[in-house]
Amino acid sequence: FDEYFGFLGGAHPYLLGAGPRPDAILRGAEP
């Protein structure tokens, strides 16, 4: 993939922002 926005895990809250967790929302490789 040239571009990525999302999370790496199996589930994620719908109403919370990113954090330092491994399943943080990422743009590319950055939270």
PDB file of all heavy atoms in Angstrom:
ATOM      1  N   PHE A   1       0.827  -1.209   0.000  1.00  0.00           N
ATOM      2  CA  PHE A   1       0.000   0.000   0.000  1.00  0.00           C
ATOM      3  C   PHE A   1       0.857   1.254   0.000  1.00  0.00           C
ATOM      4  O   PHE A   1       1.838   1.359   0.742  1.00  0.00           O
ATOM      5  CB  PHE A   1      -0.936   0.015   1.214  1.00  0.00           C
ATOM      6  CG  PHE A   1      -2.038  -1.010   1.110  1.00  0.00           C
ATOM      7  CD1 PHE A   1      -1.965  -2.203   1.813  1.00  0.00           C
ATOM      8  CD2 PHE A   1      -3.143  -0.770   0.307  1.00  0.00           C
ATOM      9  CE1 PHE A   1      -2.971  -3.156   1.715  1.00  0.00           C
ATOM     10  CE2 PHE A   1      -4.164  -1.715   0.204  1.00  0.00           C
ATOM     11  CZ  PHE A   1      -4.071  -2.911   0.904  1.00  0.00           C
ATOM     12  N   ASP A   2       0.459   2.217  -0.817  1.00  0.00           N
ATOM     13  CA  ASP A   2       1.128   3.519  -0.854  1.00  0.00           C
ATOM     14  C   ASP A   2       0.686   4.410   0.296  1.00  0.00           C
ATOM     15  O   ASP A   2       1.455   5.250   0.770  1.00  0.00           O
ATOM     16  CB  ASP A   2       0.797   4.252  -2.164  1.00  0.00           C
ATOM     17  CG  ASP A   2       1.246   3.502  -3.391  1.00  0.00           C
ATOM     18  OD1 ASP A   2       2.369   2.955  -3.374  1.00  0.00           O
ATOM     19  OD2 ASP A   2       0.478   3.454  -4.372  1.00  0.00           O
ATOM     20  N   GLU A   3      -0.562   4.262   0.722  1.00  0.00           N
ATOM     21  CA  GLU A   3      -1.130   5.096   1.775  1.00  0.00           C
ATOM     22  C   GLU A   3      -1.917   4.222   2.740  1.00  0.00           C
ATOM     23  O   GLU A   3      -2.492   3.203   2.338  1.00  0.00           O
ATOM     24  CB  GLU A   3      -2.075   6.160   1.185  1.00  0.00           C
ATOM     25  CG  GLU A   3      -1.432   7.109   0.199  1.00  0.00           C
ATOM     26  CD  GLU A   3      -2.402   8.172  -0.294  1.00  0.00           C
ATOM     27  OE1 GLU A   3      -3.305   8.555   0.494  1.00  0.00           O
ATOM     28  OE2 GLU A   3      -2.275   8.614  -1.444  1.00  0.00           O
ATOM     29  N   TYR A   4      -1.949   4.659   4.008  1.00  0.00           N
ATOM     30  CA  TYR A   4      -2.712   3.914   5.005  1.00  0.00           C
ATOM     31  C   TYR A   4      -3.249   4.859   6.060  1.00  0.00           C
ATOM     32  O   TYR A   4      -2.552   5.760   6.536  1.00  0.00           O
ATOM     33  CB  TYR A   4      -1.850   2.845   5.686  1.00  0.00           C
ATOM     34  CG  TYR A   4      -2.577   2.124   6.797  1.00  0.00           C
ATOM     35  CD1 TYR A   4      -3.706   1.364   6.519  1.00  0.00           C
ATOM     36  CD2 TYR A   4      -2.154   2.224   8.130  1.00  0.00           C
ATOM     37  CE1 TYR A   4      -4.398   0.714   7.535  1.00  0.00           C
ATOM     38  CE2 TYR A   4      -2.837   1.571   9.139  1.00  0.00           C
ATOM     39  CZ  TYR A   4      -3.968   0.814   8.848  1.00  0.00           C
ATOM     40  OH  TYR A   4      -4.657   0.179   9.848  1.00  0.00           O
ATOM     41  N   PHE A   5      -4.532   4.631   6.433  1.00  0.00           N
ATOM     42  CA  PHE A   5      -5.149   5.305   7.566  1.00  0.00           C
ATOM     43  C   PHE A   5      -6.034   4.280   8.245  1.00  0.00           C
ATOM     44  O   PHE A   5      -6.942   3.727   7.627  1.00  0.00           O
ATOM     45  CB  PHE A   5      -5.991   6.508   7.123  1.00  0.00           C
ATOM     46  CG  PHE A   5      -6.659   7.237   8.261  1.00  0.00           C
ATOM     47  CD1 PHE A   5      -6.019   8.287   8.898  1.00  0.00           C
ATOM     48  CD2 PHE A   5      -7.934   6.866   8.710  1.00  0.00           C
ATOM     49  CE1 PHE A   5      -6.620   8.961   9.960  1.00  0.00           C
ATOM     50  CE2 PHE A   5      -8.536   7.523   9.763  1.00  0.00           C
ATOM     51  CZ  PHE A   5      -7.878   8.571  10.394  1.00  0.00           C
ATOM     52  N   GLY A   6      -5.748   4.001   9.525  1.00  0.00           N
ATOM     53  CA  GLY A   6      -6.574   3.010  10.211  1.00  0.00           C
ATOM     54  C   GLY A   6      -5.902   2.508  11.467  1.00  0.00           C
ATOM     55  O   GLY A   6      -5.091   3.202  12.085  1.00  0.00           O
ATOM     56  N   PHE A   7      -6.248   1.284  11.854  1.00  0.00           N
ATOM     57  CA  PHE A   7      -5.650   0.673  13.056  1.00  0.00           C
ATOM     58  C   PHE A   7      -5.231  -0.750  12.731  1.00  0.00           C
ATOM     59  O   PHE A   7      -5.792  -1.401  11.847  1.00  0.00           O
ATOM     60  CB  PHE A   7      -6.601   0.732  14.248  1.00  0.00           C
ATOM     61  CG  PHE A   7      -7.888  -0.046  14.081  1.00  0.00           C
ATOM     62  CD1 PHE A   7      -8.001  -1.353  14.539  1.00  0.00           C
ATOM     63  CD2 PHE A   7      -9.000   0.535  13.491  1.00  0.00           C
ATOM     64  CE1 PHE A   7      -9.173  -2.071  14.390  1.00  0.00           C
ATOM     65  CE2 PHE A   7     -10.192  -0.167  13.341  1.00  0.00           C
ATOM     66  CZ  PHE A   7     -10.276  -1.479  13.794  1.00  0.00           C
ATOM     67  N   LEU A   8      -4.235  -1.221  13.462  1.00  0.00           N
ATOM     68  CA  LEU A   8      -3.614  -2.502  13.134  1.00  0.00           C
ATOM     69  C   LEU A   8      -4.287  -3.693  13.792  1.00  0.00           C
ATOM     70  O   LEU A   8      -4.069  -4.825  13.354  1.00  0.00           O
ATOM     71  CB  LEU A   8      -2.136  -2.481  13.541  1.00  0.00           C
ATOM     72  CG  LEU A   8      -1.270  -1.400  12.892  1.00  0.00           C
ATOM     73  CD1 LEU A   8       0.161  -1.511  13.402  1.00  0.00           C
ATOM     74  CD2 LEU A   8      -1.314  -1.480  11.374  1.00  0.00           C
ATOM     75  N   GLY A   9      -5.080  -3.490  14.827  1.00  0.00           N
ATOM     76  CA  GLY A   9      -5.629  -4.587  15.609  1.00  0.00           C
ATOM     77  C   GLY A   9      -6.944  -5.127  15.085  1.00  0.00           C
ATOM     78  O   GLY A   9      -7.339  -4.894  13.943  1.00  0.00           O
ATOM     79  N   GLY A  10      -7.647  -5.845  15.968  1.00  0.00           N
ATOM     80  CA  GLY A  10      -8.891  -6.489  15.583  1.00  0.00           C
ATOM     81  C   GLY A  10     -10.126  -5.707  15.945  1.00  0.00           C
ATOM     82  O   GLY A  10     -11.211  -5.994  15.430  1.00  0.00           O
ATOM     83  N   ALA A  11     -10.001  -4.734  16.839  1.00  0.00           N
ATOM     84  CA  ALA A  11     -11.147  -3.921  17.252  1.00  0.00           C
ATOM     85  C   ALA A  11     -10.628  -2.576  17.737  1.00  0.00           C
ATOM     86  O   ALA A  11      -9.459  -2.448  18.131  1.00  0.00           O
ATOM     87  CB  ALA A  11     -11.938  -4.618  18.365  1.00  0.00           C
ATOM     88  N   HIS A  12     -11.530  -1.579  17.716  1.00  0.00           N
ATOM     89  CA  HIS A  12     -11.131  -0.250  18.157  1.00  0.00           C
ATOM     90  C   HIS A  12     -12.366   0.531  18.553  1.00  0.00           C
ATOM     91  O   HIS A  12     -13.419   0.392  17.913  1.00  0.00           O
ATOM     92  CB  HIS A  12     -10.395   0.491  17.038  1.00  0.00           C
ATOM     93  CG  HIS A  12      -9.596   1.657  17.519  1.00  0.00           C
ATOM     94  ND1 HIS A  12     -10.167   2.861  17.869  1.00  0.00           N
ATOM     95  CD2 HIS A  12      -8.264   1.804  17.718  1.00  0.00           C
ATOM     96  CE1 HIS A  12      -9.223   3.686  18.267  1.00  0.00           C
ATOM     97  NE2 HIS A  12      -8.053   3.071  18.183  1.00  0.00           N
ATOM     98  N   PRO A  13     -12.290   1.363  19.594  1.00  0.00           N
ATOM     99  CA  PRO A  13     -13.431   2.219  19.934  1.00  0.00           C
ATOM    100  C   PRO A  13     -13.793   3.138  18.770  1.00  0.00           C
ATOM    101  O   PRO A  13     -12.928   3.547  18.000  1.00  0.00           O
ATOM    102  CB  PRO A  13     -12.924   3.027  21.141  1.00  0.00           C
ATOM    103  CG  PRO A  13     -11.808   2.222  21.712  1.00  0.00           C
ATOM    104  CD  PRO A  13     -11.170   1.529  20.546  1.00  0.00           C
ATOM    105  N   TYR A  14     -15.069   3.445  18.680  1.00  0.00           N
ATOM    106  CA  TYR A  14     -15.561   4.342  17.627  1.00  0.00           C
ATOM    107  C   TYR A  14     -15.574   5.802  18.085  1.00  0.00           C
ATOM    108  O   TYR A  14     -15.592   6.707  17.262  1.00  0.00           O
ATOM    109  CB  TYR A  14     -16.987   3.957  17.226  1.00  0.00           C
ATOM    110  CG  TYR A  14     -17.104   2.595  16.590  1.00  0.00           C
ATOM    111  CD1 TYR A  14     -17.178   1.440  17.370  1.00  0.00           C
ATOM    112  CD2 TYR A  14     -17.147   2.454  15.209  1.00  0.00           C
ATOM    113  CE1 TYR A  14     -17.295   0.191  16.796  1.00  0.00           C
ATOM    114  CE2 TYR A  14     -17.269   1.202  14.615  1.00  0.00           C
ATOM    115  CZ  TYR A  14     -17.339   0.072  15.420  1.00  0.00           C
ATOM    116  OH  TYR A  14     -17.448  -1.159  14.841  1.00  0.00           O
ATOM    117  N   LEU A  15     -15.560   6.014  19.398  1.00  0.00           N
ATOM    118  CA  LEU A  15     -15.767   7.351  19.934  1.00  0.00           C
ATOM    119  C   LEU A  15     -14.533   7.935  20.610  1.00  0.00           C
ATOM    120  O   LEU A  15     -14.603   8.976  21.233  1.00  0.00           O
ATOM    121  CB  LEU A  15     -16.926   7.333  20.939  1.00  0.00           C
ATOM    122  CG  LEU A  15     -18.291   6.955  20.361  1.00  0.00           C
ATOM    123  CD1 LEU A  15     -19.322   6.790  21.472  1.00  0.00           C
ATOM    124  CD2 LEU A  15     -18.763   8.015  19.373  1.00  0.00           C
ATOM    125  N   LEU A  16     -13.385   7.270  20.518  1.00  0.00           N
ATOM    126  CA  LEU A  16     -12.168   7.748  21.164  1.00  0.00           C
ATOM    127  C   LEU A  16     -11.117   8.077  20.123  1.00  0.00           C
ATOM    128  O   LEU A  16     -11.072   7.473  19.046  1.00  0.00           O
ATOM    129  CB  LEU A  16     -11.623   6.690  22.127  1.00  0.00           C
ATOM    130  CG  LEU A  16     -12.542   6.313  23.294  1.00  0.00           C
ATOM    131  CD1 LEU A  16     -11.891   5.212  24.118  1.00  0.00           C
ATOM    132  CD2 LEU A  16     -12.833   7.520  24.177  1.00  0.00           C
ATOM    133  N   GLY A  17     -10.240   9.003  20.462  1.00  0.00           N
ATOM    134  CA  GLY A  17      -9.151   9.367  19.568  1.00  0.00           C
ATOM    135  C   GLY A  17      -7.966   8.452  19.743  1.00  0.00           C
ATOM    136  O   GLY A  17      -8.017   7.436  20.420  1.00  0.00           O
ATOM    137  N   ALA A  18      -6.862   8.845  19.126  1.00  0.00           N
ATOM    138  CA  ALA A  18      -5.662   8.020  19.168  1.00  0.00           C
ATOM    139  C   ALA A  18      -4.952   8.169  20.503  1.00  0.00           C
ATOM    140  O   ALA A  18      -5.157   9.127  21.241  1.00  0.00           O
ATOM    141  CB  ALA A  18      -4.717   8.423  18.036  1.00  0.00           C
ATOM    142  N   GLY A  19      -4.119   7.210  20.806  1.00  0.00           N
ATOM    143  CA  GLY A  19      -3.317   7.244  22.016  1.00  0.00           C
ATOM    144  C   GLY A  19      -2.045   6.461  21.781  1.00  0.00           C
ATOM    145  O   GLY A  19      -1.758   6.057  20.657  1.00  0.00           O
ATOM    146  N   PRO A  20      -1.276   6.213  22.817  1.00  0.00           N
ATOM    147  CA  PRO A  20      -0.014   5.510  22.654  1.00  0.00           C
ATOM    148  C   PRO A  20      -0.168   4.003  22.523  1.00  0.00           C
ATOM    149  O   PRO A  20       0.816   3.295  22.447  1.00  0.00           O
ATOM    150  CB  PRO A  20       0.731   5.870  23.946  1.00  0.00           C
ATOM    151  CG  PRO A  20      -0.374   6.055  24.955  1.00  0.00           C
ATOM    152  CD  PRO A  20      -1.509   6.684  24.193  1.00  0.00           C
ATOM    153  N   ARG A  21      -1.436   3.498  22.482  1.00  0.00           N
ATOM    154  CA  ARG A  21      -1.654   2.060  22.411  1.00  0.00           C
ATOM    155  C   ARG A  21      -1.181   1.502  21.061  1.00  0.00           C
ATOM    156  O   ARG A  21      -1.144   2.203  20.064  1.00  0.00           O
ATOM    157  CB  ARG A  21      -3.148   1.746  22.578  1.00  0.00           C
ATOM    158  CG  ARG A  21      -3.780   2.323  23.817  1.00  0.00           C
ATOM    159  CD  ARG A  21      -5.244   1.905  23.895  1.00  0.00           C
ATOM    160  NE  ARG A  21      -5.942   2.098  22.641  1.00  0.00           N
ATOM    161  CZ  ARG A  21      -6.513   3.241  22.275  1.00  0.00           C
ATOM    162  NH1 ARG A  21      -6.447   4.298  23.069  1.00  0.00           N
ATOM    163  NH2 ARG A  21      -7.144   3.349  21.124  1.00  0.00           N
ATOM    164  N   PRO A  22      -0.878   0.166  21.034  1.00  0.00           N
ATOM    165  CA  PRO A  22      -0.499  -0.448  19.760  1.00  0.00           C
ATOM    166  C   PRO A  22      -1.612  -0.387  18.724  1.00  0.00           C
ATOM    167  O   PRO A  22      -1.347  -0.505  17.528  1.00  0.00           O
ATOM    168  CB  PRO A  22      -0.205  -1.903  20.151  1.00  0.00           C
ATOM    169  CG  PRO A  22       0.101  -1.851  21.610  1.00  0.00           C
ATOM    170  CD  PRO A  22      -0.759  -0.759  22.166  1.00  0.00           C
ATOM    171  N   ASP A  23      -2.870  -0.235  19.161  1.00  0.00           N
ATOM    172  CA  ASP A  23      -3.977  -0.185  18.209  1.00  0.00           C
ATOM    173  C   ASP A  23      -4.431   1.256  17.961  1.00  0.00           C
ATOM    174  O   ASP A  23      -5.572   1.514  17.612  1.00  0.00           O
ATOM    175  CB  ASP A  23      -5.155  -1.028  18.703  1.00  0.00           C
ATOM    176  CG  ASP A  23      -5.766  -0.511  20.009  1.00  0.00           C
ATOM    177  OD1 ASP A  23      -5.089   0.287  20.694  1.00  0.00           O
ATOM    178  OD2 ASP A  23      -6.902  -0.887  20.325  1.00  0.00           O
ATOM    179  N   ALA A  24      -3.531   2.213  18.145  1.00  0.00           N
ATOM    180  CA  ALA A  24      -3.861   3.617  17.882  1.00  0.00           C
ATOM    181  C   ALA A  24      -4.238   3.801  16.414  1.00  0.00           C
ATOM    182  O   ALA A  24      -3.812   3.050  15.544  1.00  0.00           O
ATOM    183  CB  ALA A  24      -2.669   4.502  18.225  1.00  0.00           C
ATOM    184  N   ILE A  25      -5.042   4.833  16.163  1.00  0.00           N
ATOM    185  CA  ILE A  25      -5.322   5.209  14.783  1.00  0.00           C
ATOM    186  C   ILE A  25      -4.047   5.773  14.177  1.00  0.00           C
ATOM    187  O   ILE A  25      -3.404   6.663  14.748  1.00  0.00           O
ATOM    188  CB  ILE A  25      -6.458   6.246  14.716  1.00  0.00           C
ATOM    189  CG1 ILE A  25      -7.732   5.671  15.331  1.00  0.00           C
ATOM    190  CG2 ILE A  25      -6.702   6.678  13.277  1.00  0.00           C
ATOM    191  CD1 ILE A  25      -8.276   4.464  14.615  1.00  0.00           C
ATOM    192  N   LEU A  26      -3.679   5.269  13.011  1.00  0.00           N
ATOM    193  CA  LEU A  26      -2.438   5.662  12.359  1.00  0.00           C
ATOM    194  C   LEU A  26      -2.721   6.338  11.027  1.00  0.00           C
ATOM    195  O   LEU A  26      -3.647   5.961  10.311  1.00  0.00           O
ATOM    196  CB  LEU A  26      -1.556   4.438  12.104  1.00  0.00           C
ATOM    197  CG  LEU A  26      -1.165   3.570  13.300  1.00  0.00           C
ATOM    198  CD1 LEU A  26      -0.373   2.366  12.825  1.00  0.00           C
ATOM    199  CD2 LEU A  26      -0.366   4.375  14.314  1.00  0.00           C
ATOM    200  N   ARG A  27      -1.910   7.337  10.704  1.00  0.00           N
ATOM    201  CA  ARG A  27      -1.821   7.842   9.342  1.00  0.00           C
ATOM    202  C   ARG A  27      -0.426   7.478   8.869  1.00  0.00           C
ATOM    203  O   ARG A  27       0.564   7.998   9.393  1.00  0.00           O
ATOM    204  CB  ARG A  27      -2.053   9.346   9.285  1.00  0.00           C
ATOM    205  CG  ARG A  27      -2.067   9.888   7.844  1.00  0.00           C
ATOM    206  CD  ARG A  27      -2.351  11.361   7.781  1.00  0.00           C
ATOM    207  NE  ARG A  27      -3.631  11.711   8.359  1.00  0.00           N
ATOM    208  CZ  ARG A  27      -4.822  11.542   7.747  1.00  0.00           C
ATOM    209  NH1 ARG A  27      -4.868  11.011   6.531  1.00  0.00           N
ATOM    210  NH2 ARG A  27      -5.942  11.902   8.342  1.00  0.00           N
ATOM    211  N   GLY A  28      -0.377   6.559   7.909  1.00  0.00           N
ATOM    212  CA  GLY A  28       0.916   5.968   7.603  1.00  0.00           C
ATOM    213  C   GLY A  28       1.354   5.130   8.788  1.00  0.00           C
ATOM    214  O   GLY A  28       0.624   4.273   9.266  1.00  0.00           O
ATOM    215  N   ALA A  29       2.522   5.417   9.307  1.00  0.00           N
ATOM    216  CA  ALA A  29       3.032   4.681  10.465  1.00  0.00           C
ATOM    217  C   ALA A  29       2.987   5.492  11.745  1.00  0.00           C
ATOM    218  O   ALA A  29       3.442   5.032  12.795  1.00  0.00           O
ATOM    219  CB  ALA A  29       4.464   4.235  10.189  1.00  0.00           C
ATOM    220  N   GLU A  30       2.414   6.703  11.678  1.00  0.00           N
ATOM    221  CA  GLU A  30       2.418   7.598  12.827  1.00  0.00           C
ATOM    222  C   GLU A  30       1.015   7.739  13.425  1.00  0.00           C
ATOM    223  O   GLU A  30       0.021   7.761  12.692  1.00  0.00           O
ATOM    224  CB  GLU A  30       2.927   8.986  12.411  1.00  0.00           C
ATOM    225  CG  GLU A  30       4.334   8.984  11.867  1.00  0.00           C
ATOM    226  CD  GLU A  30       5.351   8.483  12.868  1.00  0.00           C
ATOM    227  OE1 GLU A  30       5.191   8.798  14.070  1.00  0.00           O
ATOM    228  OE2 GLU A  30       6.294   7.771  12.469  1.00  0.00           O
ATOM    229  N   PRO A  31       0.920   7.855  14.761  1.00  0.00           N
ATOM    230  CA  PRO A  31      -0.393   8.059  15.395  1.00  0.00           C
ATOM    231  C   PRO A  31      -1.063   9.324  14.882  1.00  0.00           C
ATOM    232  O   PRO A  31      -0.416  10.356  14.658  1.00  0.00           O
ATOM    233  CB  PRO A  31      -0.045   8.184  16.881  1.00  0.00           C
ATOM    234  CG  PRO A  31       1.252   7.461  17.030  1.00  0.00           C
ATOM    235  CD  PRO A  31       2.001   7.713  15.752  1.00  0.00           C
TER     236      PRO A  31
END
